[in-house]
Amino acid sequence: MAEDTVPYLPRGVRLAQDRVRGMRVLQAPERAMQLDPVGEAILSALDGRRLGQIIEALAAEYAAPRDQIAGDVTGFLQSLIDRRMVFVRLP
């Protein structure tokens, strides 16, 4: 996945709070996915920025090596792209 692409949640997919379990979930038509803190941080950063900008921001926020963050972010997003829960577009 190129760092100049813009990942986003498609129509019908959203972050939501599961009040019963007290956690964030990613909801899509007829499915839901529990999020750990890493997944929540990545998906919360999908606000119209390019992938490279998201990686930079998360690396700075968590004081982690950029390469490690890039691998985590792209791997996680690619798994959601494969499930059609995240889309990407060119800026």
PDB file of N, CA and C in Angstrom:
ATOM      1  N   MET A   1       0.857  -1.166   0.000  1.00  0.00           N
ATOM      2  CA  MET A   1       0.000   0.000   0.000  1.00  0.00           C
ATOM      3  C   MET A   1       0.908   1.235   0.000  1.00  0.00           C
ATOM      4  N   ALA A   2       0.675   2.107  -0.946  1.00  0.00           N
ATOM      5  CA  ALA A   2       1.497   3.303  -1.080  1.00  0.00           C
ATOM      6  C   ALA A   2       1.161   4.327   0.006  1.00  0.00           C
ATOM      7  N   GLU A   3       2.176   5.029   0.464  1.00  0.00           N
ATOM      8  CA  GLU A   3       1.975   5.997   1.545  1.00  0.00           C
ATOM      9  C   GLU A   3       1.260   7.266   1.111  1.00  0.00           C
ATOM     10  N   ASP A   4       1.045   7.443  -0.199  1.00  0.00           N
ATOM     11  CA  ASP A   4       0.304   8.626  -0.635  1.00  0.00           C
ATOM     12  C   ASP A   4      -1.192   8.338  -0.794  1.00  0.00           C
ATOM     13  N   THR A   5      -1.615   7.090  -0.532  1.00  0.00           N
ATOM     14  CA  THR A   5      -3.041   6.788  -0.579  1.00  0.00           C
ATOM     15  C   THR A   5      -3.724   7.284   0.696  1.00  0.00           C
ATOM     16  N   VAL A   6      -5.027   7.457   0.598  1.00  0.00           N
ATOM     17  CA  VAL A   6      -5.821   7.939   1.733  1.00  0.00           C
ATOM     18  C   VAL A   6      -6.780   6.817   2.142  1.00  0.00           C
ATOM     19  N   PRO A   7      -6.515   6.146   3.269  1.00  0.00           N
ATOM     20  CA  PRO A   7      -7.449   5.121   3.732  1.00  0.00           C
ATOM     21  C   PRO A   7      -8.666   5.766   4.395  1.00  0.00           C
ATOM     22  N   TYR A   8      -9.824   5.135   4.196  1.00  0.00           N
ATOM     23  CA  TYR A   8     -11.045   5.685   4.793  1.00  0.00           C
ATOM     24  C   TYR A   8     -12.052   4.567   5.034  1.00  0.00           C
ATOM     25  N   LEU A   9     -13.003   4.848   5.914  1.00  0.00           N
ATOM     26  CA  LEU A   9     -14.091   3.917   6.189  1.00  0.00           C
ATOM     27  C   LEU A   9     -15.183   4.153   5.150  1.00  0.00           C
ATOM     28  N   PRO A  10     -15.574   3.110   4.426  1.00  0.00           N
ATOM     29  CA  PRO A  10     -16.609   3.291   3.402  1.00  0.00           C
ATOM     30  C   PRO A  10     -17.984   3.480   4.030  1.00  0.00           C
ATOM     31  N   ARG A  11     -18.913   3.853   3.209  1.00  0.00           N
ATOM     32  CA  ARG A  11     -20.306   4.039   3.632  1.00  0.00           C
ATOM     33  C   ARG A  11     -20.796   2.757   4.308  1.00  0.00           C
ATOM     34  N   GLY A  12     -21.417   2.899   5.459  1.00  0.00           N
ATOM     35  CA  GLY A  12     -21.956   1.766   6.187  1.00  0.00           C
ATOM     36  C   GLY A  12     -21.004   1.157   7.202  1.00  0.00           C
ATOM     37  N   VAL A  13     -19.758   1.620   7.233  1.00  0.00           N
ATOM     38  CA  VAL A  13     -18.771   1.121   8.196  1.00  0.00           C
ATOM     39  C   VAL A  13     -18.434   2.266   9.139  1.00  0.00           C
ATOM     40  N   ARG A  14     -18.428   1.958  10.449  1.00  0.00           N
ATOM     41  CA  ARG A  14     -18.161   3.039  11.413  1.00  0.00           C
ATOM     42  C   ARG A  14     -17.558   2.482  12.693  1.00  0.00           C
ATOM     43  N   LEU A  15     -16.881   3.367  13.402  1.00  0.00           N
ATOM     44  CA  LEU A  15     -16.398   3.059  14.746  1.00  0.00           C
ATOM     45  C   LEU A  15     -17.551   3.316  15.705  1.00  0.00           C
ATOM     46  N   ALA A  16     -17.733   2.419  16.645  1.00  0.00           N
ATOM     47  CA  ALA A  16     -18.818   2.582  17.618  1.00  0.00           C
ATOM     48  C   ALA A  16     -18.350   2.113  18.982  1.00  0.00           C
ATOM     49  N   GLN A  17     -19.035   2.562  19.992  1.00  0.00           N
ATOM     50  CA  GLN A  17     -18.750   2.148  21.367  1.00  0.00           C
ATOM     51  C   GLN A  17     -19.709   1.027  21.744  1.00  0.00           C
ATOM     52  N   ASP A  18     -19.170  -0.117  22.128  1.00  0.00           N
ATOM     53  CA  ASP A  18     -19.992  -1.219  22.641  1.00  0.00           C
ATOM     54  C   ASP A  18     -20.148  -0.966  24.131  1.00  0.00           C
ATOM     55  N   ARG A  19     -21.300  -0.468  24.520  1.00  0.00           N
ATOM     56  CA  ARG A  19     -21.522  -0.073  25.913  1.00  0.00           C
ATOM     57  C   ARG A  19     -21.571  -1.276  26.854  1.00  0.00           C
ATOM     58  N   VAL A  20     -22.011  -2.416  26.356  1.00  0.00           N
ATOM     59  CA  VAL A  20     -22.098  -3.610  27.198  1.00  0.00           C
ATOM     60  C   VAL A  20     -20.702  -4.098  27.578  1.00  0.00           C
ATOM     61  N   ARG A  21     -19.809  -4.168  26.598  1.00  0.00           N
ATOM     62  CA  ARG A  21     -18.452  -4.658  26.845  1.00  0.00           C
ATOM     63  C   ARG A  21     -17.470  -3.547  27.196  1.00  0.00           C
ATOM     64  N   GLY A  22     -17.890  -2.299  27.007  1.00  0.00           N
ATOM     65  CA  GLY A  22     -17.022  -1.178  27.329  1.00  0.00           C
ATOM     66  C   GLY A  22     -15.820  -1.065  26.414  1.00  0.00           C
ATOM     67  N   MET A  23     -16.022  -1.322  25.127  1.00  0.00           N
ATOM     68  CA  MET A  23     -14.910  -1.240  24.183  1.00  0.00           C
ATOM     69  C   MET A  23     -15.386  -0.681  22.849  1.00  0.00           C
ATOM     70  N   ARG A  24     -14.434  -0.278  22.040  1.00  0.00           N
ATOM     71  CA  ARG A  24     -14.739   0.211  20.699  1.00  0.00           C
ATOM     72  C   ARG A  24     -14.816  -0.970  19.742  1.00  0.00           C
ATOM     73  N   VAL A  25     -15.696  -0.855  18.772  1.00  0.00           N
ATOM     74  CA  VAL A  25     -15.848  -1.882  17.745  1.00  0.00           C
ATOM     75  C   VAL A  25     -15.931  -1.206  16.382  1.00  0.00           C
ATOM     76  N   LEU A  26     -15.557  -1.946  15.367  1.00  0.00           N
ATOM     77  CA  LEU A  26     -15.737  -1.509  13.991  1.00  0.00           C
ATOM     78  C   LEU A  26     -16.963  -2.236  13.478  1.00  0.00           C
ATOM     79  N   GLN A  27     -17.995  -1.480  13.127  1.00  0.00           N
ATOM     80  CA  GLN A  27     -19.247  -2.070  12.668  1.00  0.00           C
ATOM     81  C   GLN A  27     -19.375  -1.907  11.167  1.00  0.00           C
ATOM     82  N   ALA A  28     -19.795  -2.998  10.524  1.00  0.00           N
ATOM     83  CA  ALA A  28     -20.091  -3.002   9.098  1.00  0.00           C
ATOM     84  C   ALA A  28     -21.400  -3.768   8.936  1.00  0.00           C
ATOM     85  N   PRO A  29     -22.033  -3.660   7.781  1.00  0.00           N
ATOM     86  CA  PRO A  29     -23.277  -4.406   7.599  1.00  0.00           C
ATOM     87  C   PRO A  29     -23.092  -5.895   7.908  1.00  0.00           C
ATOM     88  N   GLU A  30     -23.886  -6.384   8.834  1.00  0.00           N
ATOM     89  CA  GLU A  30     -23.937  -7.786   9.233  1.00  0.00           C
ATOM     90  C   GLU A  30     -22.649  -8.324   9.862  1.00  0.00           C
ATOM     91  N   ARG A  31     -21.790  -7.451  10.358  1.00  0.00           N
ATOM     92  CA  ARG A  31     -20.579  -7.904  11.049  1.00  0.00           C
ATOM     93  C   ARG A  31     -20.039  -6.792  11.938  1.00  0.00           C
ATOM     94  N   ALA A  32     -19.257  -7.217  12.901  1.00  0.00           N
ATOM     95  CA  ALA A  32     -18.597  -6.279  13.812  1.00  0.00           C
ATOM     96  C   ALA A  32     -17.268  -6.886  14.226  1.00  0.00           C
ATOM     97  N   MET A  33     -16.340  -6.027  14.571  1.00  0.00           N
ATOM     98  CA  MET A  33     -15.004  -6.470  14.948  1.00  0.00           C
ATOM     99  C   MET A  33     -14.573  -5.721  16.204  1.00  0.00           C
ATOM    100  N   GLN A  34     -14.195  -6.468  17.242  1.00  0.00           N
ATOM    101  CA  GLN A  34     -13.683  -5.836  18.454  1.00  0.00           C
ATOM    102  C   GLN A  34     -12.311  -5.246  18.158  1.00  0.00           C
ATOM    103  N   LEU A  35     -12.044  -4.100  18.733  1.00  0.00           N
ATOM    104  CA  LEU A  35     -10.771  -3.428  18.505  1.00  0.00           C
ATOM    105  C   LEU A  35      -9.943  -3.393  19.775  1.00  0.00           C
ATOM    106  N   ASP A  36      -8.669  -3.687  19.636  1.00  0.00           N
ATOM    107  CA  ASP A  36      -7.745  -3.473  20.740  1.00  0.00           C
ATOM    108  C   ASP A  36      -7.292  -2.014  20.666  1.00  0.00           C
ATOM    109  N   PRO A  37      -6.517  -1.535  21.632  1.00  0.00           N
ATOM    110  CA  PRO A  37      -6.094  -0.131  21.603  1.00  0.00           C
ATOM    111  C   PRO A  37      -5.313   0.255  20.346  1.00  0.00           C
ATOM    112  N   VAL A  38      -4.543  -0.675  19.798  1.00  0.00           N
ATOM    113  CA  VAL A  38      -3.777  -0.373  18.585  1.00  0.00           C
ATOM    114  C   VAL A  38      -4.724  -0.175  17.403  1.00  0.00           C
ATOM    115  N   GLY A  39      -5.660  -1.096  17.232  1.00  0.00           N
ATOM    116  CA  GLY A  39      -6.626  -0.971  16.149  1.00  0.00           C
ATOM    117  C   GLY A  39      -7.459   0.287  16.264  1.00  0.00           C
ATOM    118  N   GLU A  40      -7.853   0.600  17.485  1.00  0.00           N
ATOM    119  CA  GLU A  40      -8.636   1.820  17.710  1.00  0.00           C
ATOM    120  C   GLU A  40      -7.825   3.064  17.344  1.00  0.00           C
ATOM    121  N   ALA A  41      -6.557   3.093  17.728  1.00  0.00           N
ATOM    122  CA  ALA A  41      -5.709   4.249  17.407  1.00  0.00           C
ATOM    123  C   ALA A  41      -5.547   4.410  15.900  1.00  0.00           C
ATOM    124  N   ILE A  42      -5.358   3.300  15.201  1.00  0.00           N
ATOM    125  CA  ILE A  42      -5.181   3.368  13.745  1.00  0.00           C
ATOM    126  C   ILE A  42      -6.467   3.853  13.079  1.00  0.00           C
ATOM    127  N   LEU A  43      -7.580   3.245  13.414  1.00  0.00           N
ATOM    128  CA  LEU A  43      -8.842   3.620  12.763  1.00  0.00           C
ATOM    129  C   LEU A  43      -9.294   5.023  13.147  1.00  0.00           C
ATOM    130  N   SER A  44      -8.986   5.449  14.342  1.00  0.00           N
ATOM    131  CA  SER A  44      -9.337   6.814  14.752  1.00  0.00           C
ATOM    132  C   SER A  44      -8.546   7.855  13.970  1.00  0.00           C
ATOM    133  N   ALA A  45      -7.418   7.448  13.415  1.00  0.00           N
ATOM    134  CA  ALA A  45      -6.572   8.372  12.652  1.00  0.00           C
ATOM    135  C   ALA A  45      -7.012   8.503  11.198  1.00  0.00           C
ATOM    136  N   LEU A  46      -7.999   7.737  10.773  1.00  0.00           N
ATOM    137  CA  LEU A  46      -8.476   7.821   9.384  1.00  0.00           C
ATOM    138  C   LEU A  46      -9.392   9.031   9.257  1.00  0.00           C
ATOM    139  N   ASP A  47      -8.772  10.168   9.026  1.00  0.00           N
ATOM    140  CA  ASP A  47      -9.517  11.428   8.997  1.00  0.00           C
ATOM    141  C   ASP A  47      -9.249  12.244   7.738  1.00  0.00           C
ATOM    142  N   GLY A  48      -8.869  11.553   6.660  1.00  0.00           N
ATOM    143  CA  GLY A  48      -8.612  12.255   5.405  1.00  0.00           C
ATOM    144  C   GLY A  48      -7.139  12.475   5.111  1.00  0.00           C
ATOM    145  N   ARG A  49      -6.282  12.109   6.057  1.00  0.00           N
ATOM    146  CA  ARG A  49      -4.843  12.244   5.825  1.00  0.00           C
ATOM    147  C   ARG A  49      -4.321  11.078   4.993  1.00  0.00           C
ATOM    148  N   ARG A  50      -3.190  11.304   4.357  1.00  0.00           N
ATOM    149  CA  ARG A  50      -2.514  10.236   3.624  1.00  0.00           C
ATOM    150  C   ARG A  50      -1.938   9.225   4.607  1.00  0.00           C
ATOM    151  N   LEU A  51      -1.747   8.012   4.128  1.00  0.00           N
ATOM    152  CA  LEU A  51      -1.209   6.939   4.959  1.00  0.00           C
ATOM    153  C   LEU A  51       0.120   7.335   5.589  1.00  0.00           C
ATOM    154  N   GLY A  52       1.011   7.947   4.830  1.00  0.00           N
ATOM    155  CA  GLY A  52       2.308   8.369   5.366  1.00  0.00           C
ATOM    156  C   GLY A  52       2.168   9.358   6.516  1.00  0.00           C
ATOM    157  N   GLN A  53       1.215  10.264   6.412  1.00  0.00           N
ATOM    158  CA  GLN A  53       0.981  11.238   7.476  1.00  0.00           C
ATOM    159  C   GLN A  53       0.434  10.554   8.730  1.00  0.00           C
ATOM    160  N   ILE A  54      -0.424   9.569   8.539  1.00  0.00           N
ATOM    161  CA  ILE A  54      -0.966   8.829   9.671  1.00  0.00           C
ATOM    162  C   ILE A  54       0.148   8.077  10.384  1.00  0.00           C
ATOM    163  N   ILE A  55       1.017   7.440   9.613  1.00  0.00           N
ATOM    164  CA  ILE A  55       2.146   6.704  10.192  1.00  0.00           C
ATOM    165  C   ILE A  55       3.046   7.645  10.978  1.00  0.00           C
ATOM    166  N   GLU A  56       3.362   8.792  10.409  1.00  0.00           N
ATOM    167  CA  GLU A  56       4.208   9.779  11.098  1.00  0.00           C
ATOM    168  C   GLU A  56       3.569  10.221  12.413  1.00  0.00           C
ATOM    169  N   ALA A  57       2.279  10.514  12.376  1.00  0.00           N
ATOM    170  CA  ALA A  57       1.592  10.987  13.578  1.00  0.00           C
ATOM    171  C   ALA A  57       1.577   9.919  14.663  1.00  0.00           C
ATOM    172  N   LEU A  58       1.301   8.668  14.295  1.00  0.00           N
ATOM    173  CA  LEU A  58       1.264   7.598  15.292  1.00  0.00           C
ATOM    174  C   LEU A  58       2.662   7.301  15.837  1.00  0.00           C
ATOM    175  N   ALA A  59       3.668   7.365  14.989  1.00  0.00           N
ATOM    176  CA  ALA A  59       5.043   7.149  15.454  1.00  0.00           C
ATOM    177  C   ALA A  59       5.440   8.224  16.463  1.00  0.00           C
ATOM    178  N   ALA A  60       5.057   9.461  16.200  1.00  0.00           N
ATOM    179  CA  ALA A  60       5.366  10.549  17.130  1.00  0.00           C
ATOM    180  C   ALA A  60       4.563  10.406  18.421  1.00  0.00           C
ATOM    181  N   GLU A  61       3.276  10.092  18.300  1.00  0.00           N
ATOM    182  CA  GLU A  61       2.411   9.983  19.478  1.00  0.00           C
ATOM    183  C   GLU A  61       2.866   8.872  20.419  1.00  0.00           C
ATOM    184  N   TYR A  62       3.310   7.772  19.870  1.00  0.00           N
ATOM    185  CA  TYR A  62       3.692   6.621  20.698  1.00  0.00           C
ATOM    186  C   TYR A  62       5.196   6.468  20.853  1.00  0.00           C
ATOM    187  N   ALA A  63       5.961   7.433  20.355  1.00  0.00           N
ATOM    188  CA  ALA A  63       7.437   7.422  20.459  1.00  0.00           C
ATOM    189  C   ALA A  63       7.991   6.057  20.062  1.00  0.00           C
ATOM    190  N   ALA A  64       7.531   5.585  18.903  1.00  0.00           N
ATOM    191  CA  ALA A  64       7.939   4.270  18.400  1.00  0.00           C
ATOM    192  C   ALA A  64       8.653   4.453  17.065  1.00  0.00           C
ATOM    193  N   PRO A  65       9.500   3.491  16.695  1.00  0.00           N
ATOM    194  CA  PRO A  65      10.188   3.589  15.402  1.00  0.00           C
ATOM    195  C   PRO A  65       9.177   3.612  14.248  1.00  0.00           C
ATOM    196  N   ARG A  66       9.423   4.512  13.315  1.00  0.00           N
ATOM    197  CA  ARG A  66       8.516   4.677  12.182  1.00  0.00           C
ATOM    198  C   ARG A  66       8.331   3.366  11.420  1.00  0.00           C
ATOM    199  N   ASP A  67       9.406   2.618  11.200  1.00  0.00           N
ATOM    200  CA  ASP A  67       9.307   1.362  10.448  1.00  0.00           C
ATOM    201  C   ASP A  67       8.380   0.368  11.138  1.00  0.00           C
ATOM    202  N   GLN A  68       8.449   0.313  12.445  1.00  0.00           N
ATOM    203  CA  GLN A  68       7.589  -0.600  13.195  1.00  0.00           C
ATOM    204  C   GLN A  68       6.121  -0.171  13.069  1.00  0.00           C
ATOM    205  N   ILE A  69       5.876   1.113  13.239  1.00  0.00           N
ATOM    206  CA  ILE A  69       4.515   1.642  13.112  1.00  0.00           C
ATOM    207  C   ILE A  69       3.996   1.421  11.697  1.00  0.00           C
ATOM    208  N   ALA A  70       4.823   1.670  10.693  1.00  0.00           N
ATOM    209  CA  ALA A  70       4.407   1.490   9.299  1.00  0.00           C
ATOM    210  C   ALA A  70       3.987   0.050   9.045  1.00  0.00           C
ATOM    211  N   GLY A  71       4.744  -0.901   9.547  1.00  0.00           N
ATOM    212  CA  GLY A  71       4.394  -2.307   9.372  1.00  0.00           C
ATOM    213  C   GLY A  71       3.083  -2.663  10.054  1.00  0.00           C
ATOM    214  N   ASP A  72       2.907  -2.174  11.281  1.00  0.00           N
ATOM    215  CA  ASP A  72       1.674  -2.450  12.025  1.00  0.00           C
ATOM    216  C   ASP A  72       0.460  -1.827  11.325  1.00  0.00           C
ATOM    217  N   VAL A  73       0.590  -0.572  10.924  1.00  0.00           N
ATOM    218  CA  VAL A  73      -0.530   0.150  10.315  1.00  0.00           C
ATOM    219  C   VAL A  73      -0.894  -0.470   8.967  1.00  0.00           C
ATOM    220  N   THR A  74       0.085  -0.687   8.104  1.00  0.00           N
ATOM    221  CA  THR A  74      -0.234  -1.228   6.782  1.00  0.00           C
ATOM    222  C   THR A  74      -0.757  -2.663   6.872  1.00  0.00           C
ATOM    223  N   GLY A  75      -0.217  -3.464   7.760  1.00  0.00           N
ATOM    224  CA  GLY A  75      -0.706  -4.824   7.922  1.00  0.00           C
ATOM    225  C   GLY A  75      -2.150  -4.855   8.402  1.00  0.00           C
ATOM    226  N   PHE A  76      -2.446  -4.034   9.400  1.00  0.00           N
ATOM    227  CA  PHE A  76      -3.806  -3.970   9.947  1.00  0.00           C
ATOM    228  C   PHE A  76      -4.784  -3.461   8.894  1.00  0.00           C
ATOM    229  N   LEU A  77      -4.427  -2.356   8.233  1.00  0.00           N
ATOM    230  CA  LEU A  77      -5.330  -1.797   7.230  1.00  0.00           C
ATOM    231  C   LEU A  77      -5.515  -2.744   6.052  1.00  0.00           C
ATOM    232  N   GLN A  78      -4.448  -3.433   5.642  1.00  0.00           N
ATOM    233  CA  GLN A  78      -4.579  -4.360   4.525  1.00  0.00           C
ATOM    234  C   GLN A  78      -5.551  -5.483   4.857  1.00  0.00           C
ATOM    235  N   SER A  79      -5.525  -5.957   6.104  1.00  0.00           N
ATOM    236  CA  SER A  79      -6.469  -7.007   6.492  1.00  0.00           C
ATOM    237  C   SER A  79      -7.909  -6.495   6.425  1.00  0.00           C
ATOM    238  N   LEU A  80      -8.119  -5.225   6.754  1.00  0.00           N
ATOM    239  CA  LEU A  80      -9.463  -4.647   6.674  1.00  0.00           C
ATOM    240  C   LEU A  80      -9.861  -4.331   5.238  1.00  0.00           C
ATOM    241  N   ILE A  81      -8.892  -3.978   4.410  1.00  0.00           N
ATOM    242  CA  ILE A  81      -9.169  -3.764   2.986  1.00  0.00           C
ATOM    243  C   ILE A  81      -9.611  -5.085   2.358  1.00  0.00           C
ATOM    244  N   ASP A  82      -8.934  -6.161   2.716  1.00  0.00           N
ATOM    245  CA  ASP A  82      -9.294  -7.477   2.193  1.00  0.00           C
ATOM    246  C   ASP A  82     -10.717  -7.870   2.587  1.00  0.00           C
ATOM    247  N   ARG A  83     -11.172  -7.400   3.744  1.00  0.00           N
ATOM    248  CA  ARG A  83     -12.542  -7.685   4.224  1.00  0.00           C
ATOM    249  C   ARG A  83     -13.544  -6.631   3.770  1.00  0.00           C
ATOM    250  N   ARG A  84     -13.072  -5.643   3.004  1.00  0.00           N
ATOM    251  CA  ARG A  84     -13.886  -4.537   2.490  1.00  0.00           C
ATOM    252  C   ARG A  84     -14.485  -3.689   3.615  1.00  0.00           C
ATOM    253  N   MET A  85     -13.698  -3.525   4.685  1.00  0.00           N
ATOM    254  CA  MET A  85     -14.115  -2.666   5.796  1.00  0.00           C
ATOM    255  C   MET A  85     -13.349  -1.337   5.785  1.00  0.00           C
ATOM    256  N   VAL A  86     -12.309  -1.252   4.975  1.00  0.00           N
ATOM    257  CA  VAL A  86     -11.560  -0.009   4.739  1.00  0.00           C
ATOM    258  C   VAL A  86     -11.292   0.068   3.245  1.00  0.00           C
ATOM    259  N   PHE A  87     -11.422   1.261   2.684  1.00  0.00           N
ATOM    260  CA  PHE A  87     -11.098   1.509   1.281  1.00  0.00           C
ATOM    261  C   PHE A  87      -9.937   2.501   1.245  1.00  0.00           C
ATOM    262  N   VAL A  88      -9.309   2.633   0.079  1.00  0.00           N
ATOM    263  CA  VAL A  88      -8.254   3.633  -0.115  1.00  0.00           C
ATOM    264  C   VAL A  88      -8.524   4.384  -1.412  1.00  0.00           C
ATOM    265  N   ARG A  89      -8.071   5.625  -1.431  1.00  0.00           N
ATOM    266  CA  ARG A  89      -8.170   6.441  -2.659  1.00  0.00           C
ATOM    267  C   ARG A  89      -6.889   7.242  -2.783  1.00  0.00           C
ATOM    268  N   LEU A  90      -6.654   7.727  -3.973  1.00  0.00           N
ATOM    269  CA  LEU A  90      -5.516   8.616  -4.184  1.00  0.00           C
ATOM    270  C   LEU A  90      -5.918  10.018  -3.750  1.00  0.00           C
ATOM    271  N   PRO A  91      -4.941  10.780  -3.240  1.00  0.00           N
ATOM    272  CA  PRO A  91      -5.282  12.136  -2.751  1.00  0.00           C
ATOM    273  C   PRO A  91      -5.751  13.062  -3.867  1.00  0.00           C
TER     274      PRO A  91
END
